């Protein structure tokens, strides 16, 4: 009788062990499945973060002309935020003449290497409003051209609130900024698209070339 009992007990133990192993295996599979589901659900997070960052580069800008900026590529807000200001401007379709002028004045490295700037950037139409003979004369006079271009630059990175007021330029003169994101002027120029971020500067696109007094 004792032997029979022992054999049955041994069988019972074996059965329990088998059940235990089976349950452990099931538990492991469930945990693995849950982990895979969690990983699968969390996988889009980096893409969502990148999308949010991309939206953020353009979300801080203001002005009707902002719609003329490309929505993707190096000339977009997301592209310009990665480049220093002279390089970023060269990719912006609104600023071709300004980029040429900066190159003629030899200011590309000066602007790109600066730590923090605010740039009031005249559009191609703003330069086109200057009589061609006068514009060509300015482009040919490096000293005068440098004076005009540096009059458009402030040596600090200023957001729409901080930029309002009288600002000293790299040229040595001052510009007067008035208004807010609903409408802003720099001297007599209107801001068409403002608070554009680049790697080292904040850009305000304007409709008039500023002339130092």
N, C-alpha and C. Protein backbone atom coordinates (compact mmCIF):
# COMPACT_ATOMS: atom_id res chain seq x y z
N UNK A 1 0.83 -1.21 0.00
CA UNK A 1 0.00 0.00 0.00
C UNK A 1 0.87 1.26 0.00
N UNK A 2 1.89 1.18 0.76
CA UNK A 2 2.76 2.36 0.85
C UNK A 2 3.41 2.65 -0.49
N UNK A 3 3.83 1.54 -1.17
CA UNK A 3 4.46 1.74 -2.48
C UNK A 3 3.48 2.39 -3.47
N UNK A 4 2.26 1.89 -3.42
CA UNK A 4 1.25 2.46 -4.33
C UNK A 4 1.05 3.93 -4.06
N UNK A 5 0.99 4.27 -2.79
CA UNK A 5 0.80 5.68 -2.38
C UNK A 5 1.94 6.54 -2.88
N UNK A 6 3.16 6.01 -2.72
CA UNK A 6 4.32 6.76 -3.16
C UNK A 6 4.32 6.99 -4.66
N UNK A 7 3.91 5.92 -5.39
CA UNK A 7 3.87 6.07 -6.84
C UNK A 7 2.84 7.11 -7.26
N UNK A 8 1.66 7.06 -6.61
CA UNK A 8 0.63 8.05 -6.94
C UNK A 8 1.11 9.45 -6.59
N UNK A 9 1.78 9.55 -5.43
CA UNK A 9 2.28 10.86 -5.01
C UNK A 9 3.31 11.37 -5.99
N UNK A 10 4.18 10.44 -6.43
CA UNK A 10 5.19 10.83 -7.41
C UNK A 10 4.56 11.30 -8.70
N UNK A 11 3.50 10.56 -9.12
CA UNK A 11 2.79 10.97 -10.34
C UNK A 11 2.17 12.34 -10.18
N UNK A 12 1.62 12.56 -8.97
CA UNK A 12 0.98 13.86 -8.71
C UNK A 12 2.01 14.98 -8.77
N UNK A 13 3.18 14.71 -8.18
CA UNK A 13 4.24 15.73 -8.19
C UNK A 13 4.67 16.03 -9.63
N UNK A 14 4.81 14.96 -10.40
CA UNK A 14 5.21 15.13 -11.81
C UNK A 14 4.18 15.96 -12.57
N UNK A 15 2.90 15.64 -12.28
CA UNK A 15 1.82 16.37 -12.95
C UNK A 15 1.85 17.84 -12.58
N UNK A 16 2.04 18.11 -11.28
CA UNK A 16 2.10 19.50 -10.81
C UNK A 16 3.27 20.24 -11.43
N UNK A 17 4.40 19.52 -11.53
CA UNK A 17 5.59 20.13 -12.13
C UNK A 17 5.33 20.50 -13.58
N UNK A 18 4.68 19.55 -14.28
CA UNK A 18 4.37 19.80 -15.69
C UNK A 18 3.43 21.00 -15.85
N UNK A 19 2.43 21.06 -14.96
CA UNK A 19 1.50 22.18 -15.00
C UNK A 19 2.21 23.49 -14.71
N UNK A 20 3.14 23.42 -13.74
CA UNK A 20 3.87 24.61 -13.35
C UNK A 20 4.71 25.14 -14.51
N UNK A 21 5.38 24.19 -15.19
CA UNK A 21 6.20 24.56 -16.34
C UNK A 21 5.32 25.16 -17.44
N UNK A 22 4.17 24.52 -17.65
CA UNK A 22 3.24 25.01 -18.67
C UNK A 22 2.75 26.40 -18.37
N UNK A 23 2.39 26.64 -17.11
CA UNK A 23 1.92 27.95 -16.71
C UNK A 23 3.01 29.00 -16.84
N UNK A 24 4.23 28.62 -16.48
CA UNK A 24 5.36 29.56 -16.59
C UNK A 24 5.60 29.93 -18.03
N UNK A 25 5.52 28.91 -18.92
CA UNK A 25 5.72 29.15 -20.34
C UNK A 25 4.63 30.09 -20.88
N UNK A 26 3.39 29.83 -20.48
CA UNK A 26 2.28 30.67 -20.91
C UNK A 26 2.47 32.10 -20.43
N UNK A 27 2.92 32.19 -19.14
CA UNK A 27 3.13 33.50 -18.56
C UNK A 27 4.21 34.26 -19.33
N UNK A 28 5.29 33.54 -19.69
CA UNK A 28 6.38 34.16 -20.44
C UNK A 28 5.91 34.63 -21.80
N UNK A 29 5.08 33.76 -22.45
CA UNK A 29 4.56 34.12 -23.75
C UNK A 29 3.66 35.35 -23.66
N UNK A 30 2.82 35.39 -22.59
CA UNK A 30 1.93 36.53 -22.41
C UNK A 30 2.73 37.80 -22.20
N UNK A 31 3.80 37.71 -21.35
CA UNK A 31 4.62 38.87 -21.08
C UNK A 31 5.33 39.33 -22.34
N UNK A 32 5.83 38.33 -23.13
CA UNK A 32 6.50 38.67 -24.38
C UNK A 32 5.54 39.34 -25.34
N UNK A 33 4.30 38.80 -25.41
CA UNK A 33 3.28 39.37 -26.29
C UNK A 33 2.95 40.79 -25.87
N UNK A 34 2.81 40.97 -24.53
CA UNK A 34 2.49 42.30 -24.01
C UNK A 34 3.60 43.28 -24.32
N UNK A 35 4.86 42.80 -24.14
CA UNK A 35 6.01 43.66 -24.41
C UNK A 35 6.04 44.06 -25.87
N UNK A 36 5.74 43.09 -26.76
CA UNK A 36 5.75 43.38 -28.18
C UNK A 36 4.67 44.39 -28.53
N UNK A 37 3.47 44.22 -27.90
CA UNK A 37 2.38 45.15 -28.16
C UNK A 37 2.75 46.54 -27.69
N UNK A 38 3.39 46.61 -26.50
CA UNK A 38 3.78 47.90 -25.95
C UNK A 38 4.80 48.57 -26.84
N UNK A 39 5.80 47.76 -27.28
CA UNK A 39 6.83 48.30 -28.16
C UNK A 39 6.22 48.79 -29.46
N UNK A 40 5.27 47.98 -29.97
CA UNK A 40 4.61 48.36 -31.22
C UNK A 40 3.84 49.65 -31.07
N UNK A 41 3.18 49.81 -29.91
CA UNK A 41 2.39 51.01 -29.68
C UNK A 41 3.29 52.22 -29.49
N UNK A 42 4.49 52.01 -28.87
CA UNK A 42 5.36 53.13 -28.56
C UNK A 42 6.25 53.49 -29.75
N UNK A 43 6.37 52.63 -30.74
CA UNK A 43 7.27 52.84 -31.86
C UNK A 43 7.07 54.18 -32.58
N UNK A 44 5.82 54.64 -32.79
CA UNK A 44 5.64 55.90 -33.52
C UNK A 44 6.08 57.14 -32.76
N UNK A 45 6.39 57.00 -31.45
CA UNK A 45 6.70 58.17 -30.64
C UNK A 45 7.80 59.05 -31.22
N UNK A 46 8.98 58.48 -31.65
CA UNK A 46 10.01 59.34 -32.21
C UNK A 46 9.52 60.14 -33.41
N UNK A 47 8.75 59.49 -34.28
CA UNK A 47 8.22 60.19 -35.45
C UNK A 47 7.30 61.32 -35.02
N UNK A 48 6.49 61.05 -33.98
CA UNK A 48 5.57 62.07 -33.50
C UNK A 48 6.35 63.24 -32.92
N UNK A 49 7.47 62.94 -32.22
CA UNK A 49 8.28 64.00 -31.66
C UNK A 49 8.91 64.83 -32.77
N UNK A 50 9.42 64.16 -33.83
CA UNK A 50 10.01 64.88 -34.95
C UNK A 50 8.98 65.77 -35.63
N UNK A 51 7.75 65.26 -35.77
CA UNK A 51 6.69 66.04 -36.40
C UNK A 51 6.38 67.27 -35.57
N UNK A 52 6.34 67.10 -34.24
CA UNK A 52 6.06 68.23 -33.36
C UNK A 52 7.15 69.28 -33.47
N UNK A 53 8.44 68.81 -33.54
CA UNK A 53 9.54 69.74 -33.66
C UNK A 53 9.45 70.49 -34.99
N UNK A 54 9.11 69.74 -36.05
CA UNK A 54 9.01 70.36 -37.37
C UNK A 54 7.94 71.44 -37.38
N UNK A 55 6.81 71.15 -36.78
CA UNK A 55 5.72 72.12 -36.71
C UNK A 55 6.15 73.32 -35.88
N UNK A 56 6.95 73.09 -34.85
CA UNK A 56 7.37 74.15 -33.96
C UNK A 56 8.21 75.21 -34.65
N UNK A 57 9.04 74.82 -35.64
CA UNK A 57 9.91 75.77 -36.32
C UNK A 57 9.10 76.84 -37.05
N UNK A 58 7.99 76.45 -37.64
CA UNK A 58 7.16 77.42 -38.35
C UNK A 58 6.07 78.02 -37.50
N UNK A 59 5.74 77.33 -36.40
CA UNK A 59 4.63 77.78 -35.57
C UNK A 59 4.89 79.12 -34.90
N UNK A 60 6.17 79.45 -34.68
CA UNK A 60 6.48 80.69 -33.98
C UNK A 60 6.52 81.91 -34.91
N UNK A 61 6.43 81.69 -36.22
CA UNK A 61 6.51 82.80 -37.16
C UNK A 61 5.16 83.52 -37.28
N UNK A 62 5.20 84.72 -37.83
CA UNK A 62 3.96 85.48 -38.04
C UNK A 62 4.08 86.33 -39.29
N UNK A 63 2.96 86.64 -39.91
CA UNK A 63 2.94 87.51 -41.09
C UNK A 63 2.42 86.79 -42.32
N UNK A 64 1.75 87.54 -43.20
CA UNK A 64 1.12 86.96 -44.38
C UNK A 64 2.12 86.31 -45.34
N UNK A 65 3.33 86.87 -45.43
CA UNK A 65 4.32 86.36 -46.39
C UNK A 65 4.92 85.04 -45.96
N UNK A 66 4.66 84.61 -44.75
CA UNK A 66 5.20 83.33 -44.28
C UNK A 66 4.67 82.18 -45.15
N UNK A 67 3.51 82.38 -45.77
CA UNK A 67 2.93 81.33 -46.60
C UNK A 67 3.73 81.11 -47.89
N UNK A 68 4.60 82.07 -48.24
CA UNK A 68 5.42 81.94 -49.45
C UNK A 68 6.67 81.11 -49.22
N UNK A 69 6.95 80.80 -47.97
CA UNK A 69 8.12 79.99 -47.64
C UNK A 69 7.80 78.53 -47.93
N UNK A 70 8.72 77.79 -48.58
CA UNK A 70 8.46 76.37 -48.88
C UNK A 70 8.10 75.58 -47.63
N UNK A 71 7.30 74.55 -47.81
CA UNK A 71 6.88 73.73 -46.68
C UNK A 71 7.86 72.62 -46.36
N UNK A 72 8.81 72.36 -47.25
CA UNK A 72 9.83 71.35 -46.96
C UNK A 72 11.11 71.70 -47.69
N UNK A 73 12.19 71.00 -47.34
CA UNK A 73 13.48 71.28 -47.94
C UNK A 73 14.27 72.30 -47.14
N UNK A 74 15.47 72.63 -47.63
CA UNK A 74 16.36 73.55 -46.90
C UNK A 74 15.80 74.96 -46.78
N UNK A 75 14.94 75.35 -47.74
CA UNK A 75 14.37 76.69 -47.69
C UNK A 75 13.14 76.81 -46.82
N UNK A 76 12.69 75.71 -46.25
CA UNK A 76 11.53 75.73 -45.35
C UNK A 76 11.96 76.21 -43.97
N UNK A 77 10.98 76.49 -43.12
CA UNK A 77 11.31 76.88 -41.75
C UNK A 77 12.09 75.78 -41.05
N UNK A 78 11.71 74.54 -41.28
CA UNK A 78 12.39 73.41 -40.64
C UNK A 78 13.81 73.26 -41.16
N UNK A 79 14.02 73.62 -42.43
CA UNK A 79 15.36 73.54 -42.98
C UNK A 79 16.23 74.69 -42.51
N UNK A 80 15.68 75.90 -42.48
CA UNK A 80 16.46 77.08 -42.09
C UNK A 80 16.89 77.05 -40.64
N UNK A 81 16.12 76.41 -39.79
CA UNK A 81 16.46 76.41 -38.37
C UNK A 81 17.76 75.65 -38.10
N UNK A 82 18.18 74.81 -39.04
CA UNK A 82 19.40 74.04 -38.87
C UNK A 82 20.64 74.74 -39.40
N UNK A 83 20.47 75.84 -40.16
CA UNK A 83 21.60 76.52 -40.81
C UNK A 83 21.85 77.89 -40.20
N UNK A 84 23.13 78.35 -40.21
CA UNK A 84 23.40 79.73 -39.79
C UNK A 84 22.75 80.69 -40.76
N UNK A 85 22.59 81.93 -40.35
CA UNK A 85 21.66 82.84 -41.01
C UNK A 85 21.96 83.13 -42.49
N UNK A 86 23.22 83.34 -42.86
CA UNK A 86 23.52 83.63 -44.27
C UNK A 86 23.21 82.43 -45.15
N UNK A 87 23.53 81.25 -44.66
CA UNK A 87 23.23 80.02 -45.40
C UNK A 87 21.73 79.82 -45.49
N UNK A 88 21.02 80.04 -44.38
CA UNK A 88 19.56 79.88 -44.36
C UNK A 88 18.91 80.85 -45.35
N UNK A 89 19.40 82.10 -45.40
CA UNK A 89 18.84 83.09 -46.31
C UNK A 89 19.04 82.67 -47.77
N UNK A 90 20.16 82.02 -48.05
CA UNK A 90 20.44 81.63 -49.44
C UNK A 90 19.46 80.57 -49.94
N UNK A 91 18.79 79.90 -49.01
CA UNK A 91 17.80 78.88 -49.39
C UNK A 91 16.37 79.42 -49.38
N UNK A 92 16.21 80.69 -49.02
CA UNK A 92 14.88 81.28 -48.93
C UNK A 92 14.54 81.99 -50.25
N UNK A 93 13.43 81.63 -50.89
CA UNK A 93 13.10 82.20 -52.21
C UNK A 93 12.78 83.68 -52.19
N UNK A 94 12.58 84.27 -51.01
CA UNK A 94 12.24 85.69 -50.92
C UNK A 94 13.48 86.60 -50.88
N UNK A 95 14.67 86.01 -50.69
CA UNK A 95 15.83 86.82 -50.30
C UNK A 95 17.02 86.71 -51.25
N UNK A 96 16.77 86.45 -52.52
CA UNK A 96 17.86 86.26 -53.47
C UNK A 96 18.78 87.46 -53.60
N UNK A 97 18.23 88.67 -53.73
CA UNK A 97 19.06 89.87 -53.90
C UNK A 97 19.85 90.17 -52.63
N UNK A 98 19.24 89.97 -51.49
CA UNK A 98 19.95 90.17 -50.22
C UNK A 98 21.15 89.24 -50.13
N UNK A 99 20.95 88.00 -50.52
CA UNK A 99 22.05 87.03 -50.47
C UNK A 99 23.19 87.47 -51.38
N UNK A 100 22.85 87.97 -52.57
CA UNK A 100 23.87 88.47 -53.49
C UNK A 100 24.62 89.64 -52.87
N UNK A 101 23.89 90.55 -52.24
CA UNK A 101 24.51 91.72 -51.62
C UNK A 101 25.44 91.32 -50.47
N UNK A 102 25.01 90.37 -49.68
CA UNK A 102 25.84 89.89 -48.57
C UNK A 102 27.13 89.28 -49.10
N UNK A 103 27.03 88.55 -50.20
CA UNK A 103 28.22 87.98 -50.81
C UNK A 103 29.15 89.05 -51.34
N UNK A 104 28.59 90.08 -52.01
CA UNK A 104 29.40 91.17 -52.56
C UNK A 104 30.12 91.94 -51.44
N UNK A 105 29.49 92.05 -50.29
CA UNK A 105 30.09 92.77 -49.17
C UNK A 105 31.06 91.91 -48.37
N UNK A 106 31.11 90.61 -48.66
CA UNK A 106 32.01 89.72 -47.93
C UNK A 106 31.57 89.48 -46.50
N UNK A 107 30.26 89.46 -46.28
CA UNK A 107 29.73 89.32 -44.92
C UNK A 107 29.21 87.92 -44.59
N UNK A 108 29.34 86.98 -45.51
CA UNK A 108 28.78 85.65 -45.28
C UNK A 108 29.35 85.02 -44.01
N UNK A 109 30.67 84.97 -43.90
CA UNK A 109 31.29 84.35 -42.73
C UNK A 109 31.00 85.14 -41.46
N UNK A 110 30.98 86.47 -41.57
CA UNK A 110 30.69 87.31 -40.41
C UNK A 110 29.32 86.98 -39.82
N UNK A 111 28.34 86.83 -40.69
CA UNK A 111 26.98 86.52 -40.23
C UNK A 111 26.86 85.07 -39.76
N UNK A 112 27.46 84.17 -40.51
CA UNK A 112 27.34 82.75 -40.15
C UNK A 112 28.07 82.40 -38.86
N UNK A 113 29.17 83.11 -38.58
CA UNK A 113 29.98 82.77 -37.40
C UNK A 113 29.53 83.48 -36.13
N UNK A 114 28.63 84.43 -36.25
CA UNK A 114 28.15 85.15 -35.06
C UNK A 114 27.36 84.22 -34.16
N UNK A 115 27.41 84.48 -32.86
CA UNK A 115 26.69 83.63 -31.90
C UNK A 115 25.20 83.89 -31.90
N UNK A 116 24.81 85.16 -31.97
CA UNK A 116 23.38 85.49 -31.89
C UNK A 116 23.11 86.82 -32.59
N UNK A 117 22.16 86.80 -33.52
CA UNK A 117 21.83 88.01 -34.28
C UNK A 117 20.32 88.11 -34.48
N UNK A 118 19.89 89.34 -34.77
CA UNK A 118 18.56 89.57 -35.32
C UNK A 118 18.77 90.27 -36.66
N UNK A 119 18.17 89.73 -37.71
CA UNK A 119 18.38 90.27 -39.05
C UNK A 119 17.05 90.74 -39.63
N UNK A 120 17.02 91.99 -40.08
CA UNK A 120 15.88 92.53 -40.80
C UNK A 120 16.22 92.36 -42.28
N UNK A 121 15.54 91.44 -42.95
CA UNK A 121 15.93 91.00 -44.29
C UNK A 121 14.98 91.52 -45.36
N UNK A 122 15.43 92.47 -46.19
CA UNK A 122 14.58 92.98 -47.27
C UNK A 122 14.35 91.92 -48.35
N UNK A 123 13.15 91.88 -48.88
CA UNK A 123 12.82 90.94 -49.94
C UNK A 123 13.40 91.39 -51.28
N UNK A 124 13.32 90.52 -52.27
CA UNK A 124 13.74 90.89 -53.62
C UNK A 124 12.94 92.09 -54.12
N UNK A 125 11.66 92.13 -53.82
CA UNK A 125 10.81 93.26 -54.24
C UNK A 125 11.27 94.57 -53.60
N UNK A 126 11.76 94.48 -52.37
CA UNK A 126 12.25 95.69 -51.68
C UNK A 126 13.47 96.25 -52.41
N UNK A 127 14.37 95.37 -52.83
CA UNK A 127 15.55 95.83 -53.58
C UNK A 127 15.14 96.32 -54.97
N UNK A 128 14.13 95.68 -55.56
CA UNK A 128 13.67 96.05 -56.90
C UNK A 128 13.06 97.45 -56.91
N UNK A 129 12.62 97.93 -55.76
CA UNK A 129 12.03 99.27 -55.67
C UNK A 129 13.10 100.36 -55.77
N UNK A 130 14.36 99.98 -55.60
CA UNK A 130 15.46 100.93 -55.75
C UNK A 130 15.79 101.04 -57.24
N UNK A 131 15.93 102.24 -57.79
CA UNK A 131 16.28 102.37 -59.20
C UNK A 131 17.52 101.52 -59.53
N UNK A 132 17.48 100.85 -60.66
CA UNK A 132 18.53 99.89 -61.01
C UNK A 132 19.92 100.50 -60.98
N UNK A 133 20.05 101.70 -61.50
CA UNK A 133 21.37 102.36 -61.52
C UNK A 133 21.88 102.60 -60.10
N UNK A 134 20.98 103.01 -59.22
CA UNK A 134 21.38 103.26 -57.83
C UNK A 134 21.76 101.94 -57.14
N UNK A 135 20.97 100.89 -57.38
CA UNK A 135 21.25 99.60 -56.76
C UNK A 135 22.60 99.06 -57.24
N UNK A 136 22.87 99.16 -58.53
CA UNK A 136 24.14 98.69 -59.07
C UNK A 136 25.31 99.48 -58.49
N UNK A 137 25.10 100.77 -58.28
CA UNK A 137 26.15 101.61 -57.70
C UNK A 137 26.45 101.19 -56.26
N UNK A 138 25.40 100.87 -55.52
CA UNK A 138 25.57 100.43 -54.13
C UNK A 138 26.29 99.08 -54.09
N UNK A 139 25.88 98.17 -54.96
CA UNK A 139 26.51 96.85 -55.00
C UNK A 139 27.98 96.92 -55.36
N UNK A 140 28.34 97.95 -56.12
CA UNK A 140 29.73 98.11 -56.53
C UNK A 140 30.58 98.83 -55.49
N UNK A 141 29.95 99.44 -54.51
CA UNK A 141 30.66 100.19 -53.47
C UNK A 141 30.63 99.35 -52.18
N UNK A 142 31.69 98.58 -51.95
CA UNK A 142 31.70 97.63 -50.84
C UNK A 142 31.52 98.31 -49.49
N UNK A 143 32.14 99.45 -49.29
CA UNK A 143 32.04 100.15 -48.00
C UNK A 143 30.61 100.61 -47.75
N UNK A 144 29.99 101.22 -48.76
CA UNK A 144 28.61 101.68 -48.60
C UNK A 144 27.67 100.49 -48.43
N UNK A 145 27.89 99.45 -49.22
CA UNK A 145 27.05 98.25 -49.14
C UNK A 145 27.13 97.62 -47.76
N UNK A 146 28.34 97.54 -47.22
CA UNK A 146 28.52 96.97 -45.88
C UNK A 146 27.80 97.80 -44.83
N UNK A 147 27.88 99.13 -44.98
CA UNK A 147 27.20 100.01 -44.04
C UNK A 147 25.69 99.79 -44.07
N UNK A 148 25.13 99.67 -45.28
CA UNK A 148 23.67 99.46 -45.41
C UNK A 148 23.27 98.10 -44.85
N UNK A 149 24.01 97.06 -45.19
CA UNK A 149 23.63 95.72 -44.76
C UNK A 149 23.76 95.56 -43.24
N UNK A 150 24.83 96.08 -42.65
CA UNK A 150 24.99 95.93 -41.19
C UNK A 150 23.99 96.78 -40.43
N UNK A 151 23.38 97.77 -41.12
CA UNK A 151 22.30 98.55 -40.50
C UNK A 151 21.05 97.69 -40.33
N UNK A 152 21.01 96.55 -41.00
CA UNK A 152 19.87 95.63 -40.89
C UNK A 152 20.09 94.53 -39.86
N UNK A 153 21.17 94.63 -39.09
CA UNK A 153 21.53 93.53 -38.18
C UNK A 153 21.74 94.06 -36.76
N UNK A 154 21.14 93.36 -35.80
CA UNK A 154 21.31 93.66 -34.37
C UNK A 154 22.09 92.50 -33.75
N UNK A 155 23.00 92.83 -32.86
CA UNK A 155 23.88 91.82 -32.28
C UNK A 155 23.29 91.06 -31.11
N UNK A 156 22.05 90.67 -31.21
CA UNK A 156 21.39 89.85 -30.19
C UNK A 156 20.20 89.17 -30.86
N UNK A 157 19.82 88.04 -30.34
CA UNK A 157 18.70 87.29 -30.91
C UNK A 157 17.42 87.69 -30.18
N UNK A 158 16.53 88.40 -30.87
CA UNK A 158 15.37 89.01 -30.22
C UNK A 158 14.06 88.45 -30.75
N UNK A 159 13.20 88.03 -29.82
CA UNK A 159 11.87 87.54 -30.20
C UNK A 159 10.93 88.73 -30.41
N UNK A 160 9.69 88.49 -30.83
CA UNK A 160 8.79 89.61 -31.16
C UNK A 160 8.53 90.58 -30.01
N UNK A 161 8.64 90.14 -28.79
CA UNK A 161 8.45 91.06 -27.67
C UNK A 161 9.72 91.86 -27.40
N UNK A 162 10.86 91.17 -27.40
CA UNK A 162 12.13 91.82 -27.08
C UNK A 162 12.60 92.77 -28.17
N UNK A 163 12.19 92.53 -29.41
CA UNK A 163 12.69 93.34 -30.52
C UNK A 163 12.04 94.72 -30.57
N UNK A 164 10.89 94.86 -29.95
CA UNK A 164 10.18 96.15 -29.98
C UNK A 164 10.96 97.21 -29.20
N UNK A 165 11.08 98.39 -29.81
CA UNK A 165 11.82 99.48 -29.18
C UNK A 165 12.93 99.97 -30.09
N UNK A 166 13.85 100.70 -29.53
CA UNK A 166 14.99 101.20 -30.29
C UNK A 166 16.14 100.22 -30.17
N UNK A 167 16.63 99.74 -31.30
CA UNK A 167 17.69 98.72 -31.30
C UNK A 167 18.94 99.26 -32.00
N UNK A 168 20.08 99.06 -31.35
CA UNK A 168 21.36 99.47 -31.96
C UNK A 168 21.80 98.40 -32.95
N UNK A 169 22.22 98.81 -34.12
CA UNK A 169 22.62 97.87 -35.16
C UNK A 169 24.14 97.70 -35.20
N UNK A 170 24.60 96.72 -35.95
CA UNK A 170 26.04 96.51 -36.10
C UNK A 170 26.70 97.68 -36.83
N UNK A 171 25.92 98.42 -37.61
CA UNK A 171 26.44 99.58 -38.33
C UNK A 171 26.73 100.73 -37.38
N UNK A 172 26.07 100.73 -36.22
CA UNK A 172 26.27 101.79 -35.24
C UNK A 172 25.06 102.68 -35.07
N UNK A 173 24.19 102.70 -36.07
CA UNK A 173 22.96 103.47 -35.96
C UNK A 173 21.88 102.67 -35.26
N UNK A 174 20.71 103.24 -35.15
CA UNK A 174 19.61 102.56 -34.48
C UNK A 174 18.41 102.44 -35.41
N UNK A 175 17.62 101.40 -35.16
CA UNK A 175 16.34 101.24 -35.84
C UNK A 175 15.25 101.23 -34.77
N UNK A 176 14.05 101.62 -35.18
CA UNK A 176 12.93 101.65 -34.24
C UNK A 176 11.90 100.62 -34.67
N UNK A 177 11.64 99.68 -33.78
CA UNK A 177 10.69 98.61 -34.06
C UNK A 177 9.42 98.86 -33.25
N UNK A 178 8.28 98.82 -33.92
CA UNK A 178 7.00 99.03 -33.25
C UNK A 178 6.01 97.94 -33.64
N UNK A 179 5.01 97.72 -32.76
CA UNK A 179 3.95 96.77 -33.05
C UNK A 179 4.15 95.42 -32.38
N UNK A 180 3.46 94.43 -32.94
CA UNK A 180 3.52 93.08 -32.39
C UNK A 180 3.25 92.08 -33.52
N UNK A 181 2.91 90.88 -33.15
CA UNK A 181 2.70 89.84 -34.18
C UNK A 181 1.47 90.10 -35.04
N UNK A 182 0.63 91.03 -34.64
CA UNK A 182 -0.53 91.40 -35.45
C UNK A 182 -0.16 92.43 -36.52
N UNK A 183 1.01 93.03 -36.38
CA UNK A 183 1.49 94.04 -37.32
C UNK A 183 2.71 94.73 -36.74
N UNK A 184 3.84 94.69 -37.47
CA UNK A 184 5.08 95.22 -36.93
C UNK A 184 5.81 96.02 -38.00
N UNK A 185 6.46 97.11 -37.58
CA UNK A 185 7.26 97.93 -38.50
C UNK A 185 8.68 98.08 -37.96
N UNK A 186 9.61 98.27 -38.89
CA UNK A 186 11.00 98.58 -38.56
C UNK A 186 11.32 99.86 -39.30
N UNK A 187 11.45 100.97 -38.57
CA UNK A 187 11.48 102.29 -39.20
C UNK A 187 10.24 102.41 -40.09
N UNK A 188 10.44 102.59 -41.41
CA UNK A 188 9.29 102.73 -42.31
C UNK A 188 8.93 101.42 -43.02
N UNK A 189 9.61 100.36 -42.69
CA UNK A 189 9.38 99.07 -43.35
C UNK A 189 8.37 98.24 -42.58
N UNK A 190 7.59 97.46 -43.31
CA UNK A 190 6.64 96.54 -42.69
C UNK A 190 7.26 95.15 -42.60
N UNK A 191 7.02 94.47 -41.49
CA UNK A 191 7.47 93.09 -41.35
C UNK A 191 6.46 92.19 -42.06
N UNK A 192 6.95 91.45 -43.06
CA UNK A 192 6.08 90.58 -43.85
C UNK A 192 6.01 89.17 -43.27
N UNK A 193 7.11 88.73 -42.72
CA UNK A 193 7.17 87.43 -42.05
C UNK A 193 8.22 87.53 -40.97
N UNK A 194 7.82 87.37 -39.74
CA UNK A 194 8.73 87.61 -38.64
C UNK A 194 8.98 86.42 -37.73
N UNK A 195 10.03 86.56 -36.94
CA UNK A 195 10.41 85.56 -35.94
C UNK A 195 10.78 84.22 -36.58
N UNK A 196 11.48 84.30 -37.72
CA UNK A 196 11.94 83.09 -38.40
C UNK A 196 13.21 82.60 -37.72
N UNK A 197 13.24 81.36 -37.26
CA UNK A 197 14.43 80.87 -36.56
C UNK A 197 15.47 80.30 -37.51
N UNK A 198 16.75 80.64 -37.28
CA UNK A 198 17.86 79.96 -37.92
C UNK A 198 18.78 79.48 -36.80
N UNK A 199 19.86 78.82 -37.15
CA UNK A 199 20.73 78.24 -36.13
C UNK A 199 21.34 79.30 -35.21
N UNK A 200 21.55 80.51 -35.71
CA UNK A 200 22.19 81.53 -34.87
C UNK A 200 21.51 82.89 -34.92
N UNK A 201 20.32 82.95 -35.51
CA UNK A 201 19.67 84.26 -35.64
C UNK A 201 18.16 84.14 -35.71
N UNK A 202 17.52 85.28 -35.47
CA UNK A 202 16.08 85.42 -35.70
C UNK A 202 15.90 86.42 -36.83
N UNK A 203 15.12 86.05 -37.84
CA UNK A 203 14.98 86.86 -39.04
C UNK A 203 13.58 87.46 -39.13
N UNK A 204 13.55 88.74 -39.52
CA UNK A 204 12.29 89.43 -39.80
C UNK A 204 12.37 89.92 -41.25
N UNK A 205 11.57 89.34 -42.13
CA UNK A 205 11.55 89.73 -43.52
C UNK A 205 10.75 91.02 -43.67
N UNK A 206 11.35 92.02 -44.32
CA UNK A 206 10.72 93.35 -44.44
C UNK A 206 10.56 93.75 -45.90
N UNK A 207 9.69 94.73 -46.14
CA UNK A 207 9.34 95.12 -47.52
C UNK A 207 10.08 96.34 -48.04
N UNK A 208 11.05 96.84 -47.27
CA UNK A 208 11.80 98.04 -47.66
C UNK A 208 13.26 97.89 -47.23
N UNK A 209 14.16 98.37 -48.08
CA UNK A 209 15.58 98.40 -47.70
C UNK A 209 15.79 99.59 -46.77
N UNK A 210 16.33 99.32 -45.59
CA UNK A 210 16.56 100.38 -44.61
C UNK A 210 17.83 101.14 -44.96
N UNK A 211 17.78 102.46 -44.85
CA UNK A 211 18.94 103.29 -45.15
C UNK A 211 19.39 104.02 -43.88
N UNK A 212 20.65 103.81 -43.50
CA UNK A 212 21.15 104.51 -42.30
C UNK A 212 21.18 106.02 -42.52
N UNK A 213 20.88 106.77 -41.50
CA UNK A 213 20.85 108.24 -41.64
C UNK A 213 22.27 108.81 -41.47
